[in-house]
N, C-alpha and C. Protein backbone atom coordinates (compact mmCIF):
# COMPACT_ATOMS: atom_id res chain seq x y z
N MET A 1 -2.73 -1.36 5.06
CA MET A 1 -2.64 -2.81 5.08
C MET A 1 -3.96 -3.52 5.11
N ALA A 2 -4.14 -4.24 3.98
CA ALA A 2 -5.38 -4.87 3.88
C ALA A 2 -5.46 -5.91 2.77
N VAL A 3 -6.29 -6.83 2.95
CA VAL A 3 -6.64 -7.84 2.00
C VAL A 3 -7.99 -7.43 1.40
N GLN A 4 -7.98 -6.97 0.18
CA GLN A 4 -9.29 -6.41 -0.56
C GLN A 4 -9.83 -7.50 -1.38
N ASP A 5 -11.14 -7.69 -1.35
CA ASP A 5 -12.00 -8.50 -2.18
C ASP A 5 -12.34 -7.86 -3.44
N LEU A 6 -11.73 -8.10 -4.57
CA LEU A 6 -12.02 -7.31 -5.89
C LEU A 6 -13.29 -7.75 -6.57
N TRP A 7 -13.97 -8.78 -6.10
CA TRP A 7 -15.21 -9.20 -6.69
C TRP A 7 -16.43 -8.65 -6.00
N ARG A 8 -16.35 -7.99 -4.80
CA ARG A 8 -17.28 -7.56 -3.95
C ARG A 8 -17.14 -6.05 -3.57
N ASP A 9 -18.08 -5.20 -3.61
CA ASP A 9 -17.84 -3.75 -3.07
C ASP A 9 -18.04 -3.77 -1.58
N ARG A 10 -18.05 -2.62 -1.05
CA ARG A 10 -18.23 -2.41 0.44
C ARG A 10 -19.60 -2.85 0.96
N ARG A 11 -20.51 -2.79 0.12
CA ARG A 11 -21.79 -3.23 0.48
C ARG A 11 -22.10 -4.74 0.31
N GLY A 12 -21.18 -5.36 -0.26
CA GLY A 12 -21.25 -6.77 -0.64
C GLY A 12 -21.91 -7.14 -1.96
N GLN A 13 -22.06 -6.05 -2.65
CA GLN A 13 -22.61 -6.25 -4.12
C GLN A 13 -21.47 -6.74 -5.06
N PRO A 14 -21.81 -7.48 -6.06
CA PRO A 14 -20.66 -7.87 -7.03
C PRO A 14 -20.33 -6.66 -7.76
N THR A 15 -18.96 -6.63 -8.17
CA THR A 15 -18.41 -5.63 -8.90
C THR A 15 -18.39 -6.05 -10.41
N LYS A 16 -17.96 -5.24 -11.18
CA LYS A 16 -17.74 -5.43 -12.71
C LYS A 16 -16.73 -6.71 -12.82
N ARG A 17 -15.88 -6.78 -11.97
CA ARG A 17 -14.83 -7.83 -12.09
C ARG A 17 -15.23 -9.15 -11.57
N ALA A 18 -16.38 -9.27 -10.97
CA ALA A 18 -16.92 -10.54 -10.35
C ALA A 18 -16.67 -11.79 -11.19
N GLY A 19 -16.05 -12.71 -10.76
CA GLY A 19 -15.74 -13.97 -11.57
C GLY A 19 -14.75 -13.90 -12.58
N VAL A 20 -14.00 -12.89 -12.66
CA VAL A 20 -12.95 -12.66 -13.68
C VAL A 20 -11.58 -12.44 -12.91
N GLY A 21 -10.67 -13.14 -13.20
CA GLY A 21 -9.26 -12.96 -12.74
C GLY A 21 -9.10 -13.34 -11.29
N ARG A 22 -8.08 -12.82 -10.68
CA ARG A 22 -7.76 -12.98 -9.27
C ARG A 22 -8.72 -12.16 -8.45
N ARG A 23 -9.15 -12.67 -7.31
CA ARG A 23 -10.11 -12.15 -6.45
C ARG A 23 -9.53 -11.20 -5.33
N TRP A 24 -8.48 -11.67 -4.60
CA TRP A 24 -7.95 -11.04 -3.51
C TRP A 24 -6.71 -10.17 -3.83
N ARG A 25 -6.52 -8.92 -3.40
CA ARG A 25 -5.52 -8.15 -3.53
C ARG A 25 -4.92 -7.74 -2.09
N VAL A 26 -3.61 -7.78 -1.97
CA VAL A 26 -2.87 -7.47 -0.76
C VAL A 26 -2.34 -6.02 -0.91
N VAL A 27 -2.65 -5.18 0.04
CA VAL A 27 -2.05 -3.76 -0.08
C VAL A 27 -1.50 -3.38 1.16
N VAL A 28 -0.16 -3.30 1.15
CA VAL A 28 0.62 -3.03 2.38
C VAL A 28 1.55 -1.78 2.02
N ALA A 29 1.43 -0.76 2.93
CA ALA A 29 2.33 0.51 2.60
C ALA A 29 3.77 0.12 2.43
N GLY A 30 4.36 0.72 1.45
CA GLY A 30 5.81 0.46 1.29
C GLY A 30 6.05 -0.82 0.51
N GLN A 31 5.08 -1.51 0.06
CA GLN A 31 5.14 -2.81 -0.72
C GLN A 31 4.39 -2.74 -2.04
N PRO A 32 4.81 -3.40 -3.12
CA PRO A 32 3.93 -3.40 -4.29
C PRO A 32 2.63 -4.30 -3.97
N THR A 33 1.61 -3.95 -4.59
CA THR A 33 0.45 -4.80 -4.42
C THR A 33 0.61 -5.99 -5.16
N ARG A 34 -0.21 -7.17 -4.70
CA ARG A 34 -0.05 -8.31 -5.22
C ARG A 34 -1.42 -9.09 -5.17
N SER A 35 -1.91 -9.78 -6.27
CA SER A 35 -3.25 -10.45 -6.21
C SER A 35 -3.09 -11.98 -6.09
N PHE A 36 -4.09 -12.44 -5.47
CA PHE A 36 -4.25 -13.97 -5.26
C PHE A 36 -5.54 -14.54 -5.62
N THR A 37 -5.62 -15.85 -5.86
CA THR A 37 -6.89 -16.54 -6.26
C THR A 37 -7.62 -16.83 -4.95
N ASN A 38 -7.12 -17.12 -3.90
CA ASN A 38 -7.77 -17.38 -2.60
C ASN A 38 -7.31 -16.52 -1.48
N GLU A 39 -8.21 -16.34 -0.49
CA GLU A 39 -8.09 -15.43 0.57
C GLU A 39 -7.05 -15.85 1.56
N ARG A 40 -6.91 -17.13 1.72
CA ARG A 40 -5.90 -17.69 2.71
C ARG A 40 -4.49 -17.43 2.31
N ALA A 41 -4.15 -17.61 1.00
CA ALA A 41 -2.90 -17.20 0.60
C ALA A 41 -2.63 -15.73 0.69
N ALA A 42 -3.65 -14.86 0.42
CA ALA A 42 -3.54 -13.41 0.55
C ALA A 42 -3.17 -12.92 1.88
N LYS A 43 -3.91 -13.56 2.86
CA LYS A 43 -3.63 -13.18 4.27
C LYS A 43 -2.29 -13.66 4.88
N LEU A 44 -1.92 -14.85 4.34
CA LEU A 44 -0.50 -15.31 4.73
C LEU A 44 0.58 -14.39 4.21
N TYR A 45 0.47 -13.88 2.88
CA TYR A 45 1.30 -13.08 2.27
C TYR A 45 1.33 -11.66 3.04
N GLU A 46 0.21 -11.26 3.38
CA GLU A 46 0.13 -10.01 4.09
C GLU A 46 0.83 -10.07 5.44
N ALA A 47 0.67 -11.11 6.20
CA ALA A 47 1.28 -11.36 7.56
C ALA A 47 2.83 -11.41 7.28
N LYS A 48 3.37 -12.11 6.22
CA LYS A 48 4.76 -12.13 5.95
C LYS A 48 5.23 -10.74 5.77
N LEU A 49 4.58 -9.96 4.96
CA LEU A 49 5.05 -8.58 4.56
C LEU A 49 5.04 -7.69 5.90
N LEU A 50 4.15 -7.79 6.62
CA LEU A 50 4.08 -7.03 7.87
C LEU A 50 5.24 -7.43 8.86
N ALA A 51 5.49 -8.64 8.81
CA ALA A 51 6.66 -9.17 9.78
C ALA A 51 7.93 -8.65 9.13
N GLU A 52 8.12 -8.62 7.89
CA GLU A 52 9.40 -8.27 7.33
C GLU A 52 9.75 -6.72 7.40
N GLY A 53 8.72 -5.89 7.38
CA GLY A 53 8.99 -4.49 7.39
C GLY A 53 9.13 -3.91 5.93
N PRO A 54 9.61 -2.65 5.81
CA PRO A 54 9.79 -2.02 4.41
C PRO A 54 10.58 -2.88 3.47
N ALA A 55 10.23 -2.65 2.29
CA ALA A 55 10.80 -3.48 1.13
C ALA A 55 12.25 -3.10 0.97
N ARG A 56 12.53 -1.84 0.97
CA ARG A 56 13.90 -1.44 0.76
C ARG A 56 14.68 -1.15 2.05
N PRO A 57 15.87 -1.81 2.08
CA PRO A 57 16.64 -1.58 3.48
C PRO A 57 16.86 -0.15 3.84
N GLN A 58 17.03 0.74 2.81
CA GLN A 58 17.20 2.14 3.29
C GLN A 58 16.03 2.82 3.74
N ASP A 59 14.87 2.24 3.63
CA ASP A 59 13.65 2.89 4.18
C ASP A 59 13.55 2.55 5.63
N ARG A 60 14.14 1.41 6.17
CA ARG A 60 14.09 1.08 7.47
C ARG A 60 14.55 2.14 8.64
N ALA A 61 15.62 2.83 8.10
CA ALA A 61 16.33 3.78 9.04
C ALA A 61 15.84 5.20 8.75
N THR A 62 14.96 5.31 7.72
CA THR A 62 14.52 6.79 7.26
C THR A 62 13.44 7.16 8.31
N THR A 63 13.60 8.45 8.64
CA THR A 63 12.62 9.01 9.59
C THR A 63 11.95 10.27 8.74
N VAL A 64 10.88 10.68 9.31
CA VAL A 64 10.17 11.98 8.72
C VAL A 64 11.13 13.10 8.97
N GLY A 65 11.85 13.17 10.03
CA GLY A 65 12.79 14.24 10.20
C GLY A 65 13.90 14.27 9.07
N ASP A 66 14.33 13.13 8.65
CA ASP A 66 15.34 12.99 7.52
C ASP A 66 14.68 13.51 6.24
N LEU A 67 13.50 13.44 6.01
CA LEU A 67 12.84 13.76 4.71
C LEU A 67 12.23 15.14 4.71
N VAL A 68 12.11 15.82 5.77
CA VAL A 68 11.49 17.16 5.88
C VAL A 68 12.33 18.12 5.05
N ASP A 69 13.59 18.18 5.08
CA ASP A 69 14.52 19.01 4.41
C ASP A 69 14.39 18.88 2.82
N VAL A 70 14.27 17.66 2.36
CA VAL A 70 13.99 17.33 1.01
C VAL A 70 12.65 17.83 0.55
N TRP A 71 11.68 17.69 1.34
CA TRP A 71 10.33 17.99 1.02
C TRP A 71 10.21 19.50 0.96
N LEU A 72 10.93 20.24 1.94
CA LEU A 72 10.77 21.69 1.87
C LEU A 72 11.58 22.29 0.78
N ALA A 73 12.70 21.67 0.36
CA ALA A 73 13.37 22.07 -0.78
C ALA A 73 12.57 22.07 -2.04
N SER A 74 11.69 21.09 -2.20
CA SER A 74 10.78 20.96 -3.38
C SER A 74 9.69 21.94 -3.39
N LYS A 75 9.55 22.72 -2.32
CA LYS A 75 8.55 23.73 -2.13
C LYS A 75 9.07 25.11 -2.31
N GLN A 76 10.34 25.34 -2.80
CA GLN A 76 10.93 26.70 -3.02
C GLN A 76 10.15 27.67 -3.72
N ARG A 77 9.42 27.14 -4.66
CA ARG A 77 8.62 28.04 -5.53
C ARG A 77 7.48 28.71 -4.92
N LEU A 78 7.01 27.98 -3.86
CA LEU A 78 5.86 28.70 -3.09
C LEU A 78 6.16 29.87 -2.28
N SER A 79 5.11 30.69 -2.11
CA SER A 79 5.32 31.94 -1.25
C SER A 79 5.62 31.52 0.19
N THR A 80 6.00 32.59 0.86
CA THR A 80 6.26 32.18 2.31
C THR A 80 5.07 31.73 3.05
N LYS A 81 3.92 32.24 2.80
CA LYS A 81 2.69 31.79 3.41
C LYS A 81 2.34 30.38 2.84
N GLY A 82 2.66 30.10 1.64
CA GLY A 82 2.38 28.89 1.15
C GLY A 82 3.22 27.71 1.78
N ARG A 83 4.37 28.05 2.23
CA ARG A 83 5.28 27.10 2.78
C ARG A 83 4.81 26.86 4.30
């Protein structure tokens, strides 16, 4: 979960995108990314997403324990040690 500046890198140096297109990108797990022209709008959108929770209603009740059987079934081709 973060608001990323697409025009500056981690050291504060301009990127190749500097001055072109939307500057701020919101990245929240379980949500599609979205870009904004100003930082304030991006932070407001991020706060809204974090308050709402997962995008899909079925994800709200899903736990890791529910998914482990599905994940292990996808690993059937692996050797016993590989699993």
